[in-house]
Amino acid sequence: MNANATANLVGITGIARRLVLDGHLAEADARKALDEATKAKTPVSRYLQDKKLATAAQIAGANAVEFGMPLFDASALDLNQAATKLVSEELINKHMALPLFKRGNRLFVGISDPTNTRALDEIKFAANLTVEPILVDEDRLRKTIDLALTASDSMGDAMDDAEGLENLESSSGDDDSSDNIADAKGGDDTPVVRFVNKVLLDSIKRGASDIHFEPYENEFRVRLRMDGILRTVAKAPVKLHQRITARLKVMASLDIAERRLPQDGRIKLNISKTRQMDFRVSTCPTLFGEKVVLRLLDGSAAKLGIDKLGYEDDQKQLYLEALAKPYGMILVTGPTGSGKTVSLYTGLNILNTEERNISTAEDPVEIRVPGINQVQMNVKKGMTFAAALRSFLRQDP
C-alpha cells in the first residue's frame, strides 16, 4: 500500500485497520464500524461479524498480526483434558473464554478477542493461577466450548453409571444374555444397560459418526468420533468390559461366546415413533479383549438437501453437474466421518424419481432408501460386485 493510501487510514485503528490493509474491509466500512461499535459499546469485531463485513477467520487472522499472537487450532484439543473444571461454566459462557490446559501454575485460556482483559482477570481470580491468553477463531472457539462443556457433563453422568457397575460383579445369573433391545429407553434397567443406552443416545445427540468401546490393560474407555476426531467421553472399570461387550453383541444378534474371531452385526434403535437409528457393529479381538466399534447410520441424514451438506457454491454446482450426466463415475474420498456416505445418499435421493430405475451394489447397505433397488454383497455366496453389475445390465440394458 502506498503512502497516500496509508494516509487515508488516519483514524482507523486496531483490527479494522489491519483488515483494510489485508484487503478484507473497505475504508468506508471500517470507519463506520469503528463509529457504530463505539456508540453501541460493543467490540468492533462483534459489529463486523454481525454486519457480515468480515468473517471470524479474517478477524482472527487480523488479531494474530495486530497482537503478535499465534492462532491455536482448537480442533486438536483433547476436550477431556481441557481445564474446564477450573472455572465455572457460567464464567466460560459469559466471556466466551475457554481454559484449554494447565502447565504448572499457568492456565492457558482460549479467547477470540485479545482486548477482553476483564475475562482474563476474572478467570485469573477464579482459578487462582497465572493466565496466558491464546487466540482462537471465534466460530471454532464457540463450537469447542459447546463440545467441551458437553463432554464434561457426559463424562460425569457416564461415570455415575460406571461406578454403579462395580456392584454387579457379585451378582449371579446372565442378566444380559436373553435381552433383545428394540428401544434404548425400554428393557432392563441394570447399570450395564443404562451405561450402554446412555452412550448410544449421547452419540446420536452429539452427532457422532462412530463409537469405539476399547479395552486396555488398566482401563475400558469409550470414544466418539465427531468431526473426524476421536474424543474420550466415558470410562468404566476394565474388569466389566466383557459385560458391556456382551450387551452390545446381544443387541446386534452376534454370538456372545465367540471371542476369537471378528464379527459384524447391526443394531436398530427406535428413537421416536418417526425416527429409527441403525448402528453397524464390528468386533475385533485385541490383546485385552474385544474392541467393539459402532458406526451410526441415520436414515434421515440421507434425506438432507444438498444445501445442508456444507458445500461451497462451486462444489455444489460441480456435484449437481456430475449427477446430471447420463454416464461416468463419481469418486468420493475423505477421512472417517467427513460425510462421504451422506453425500452419496443425498446424490441418490436427487436422482431418485419415478421415471428412473436405480440399483446399487453396496457392502454393506448402510442407509435404506425407498424407491432404490439396494443389493447387499455376499461374497461367500457368490454375490459379488461383478455379479450384481451383470444382473443390473440384464434387467435394464
Foldseek 3Di string as FASTA:
>chain_A
DDPVVVVLQVPQDALLVVCVVVVQADSVRSVVLVVVCVVVVHDSVVSCVVVVSHALVSSLVSCCVRVVADEDDLVPAQLVQFPQVLADLVLCVVQVKGFRHDDDQETEIEDQDPVPVVSLVVSCVSNVGHYDYHHYRSVSSVVSSVVSVLLVVLAVVLVVLQVQVVVCPPDDDLVQQPDADAALPDDDDRSLSVNLSSVVVVLVVQVFFKWKFDADPAWTWIWTQDPNDTHTRYTHGNVCSLSNVSNVCNQFVHDSVDWAAKDWGKHWHDHDPPFIKMWIWIWDADPSTIMIMTGIQGQVLLVDAPVPLPDDPVVSVVLVVVLPDPDDDDDDDDHPPNCRVSVVSVSVVVVQDPVDAAEEEDDDPRHDDPRHHYHGADVVVPRDPVVVVVVVVVVPD
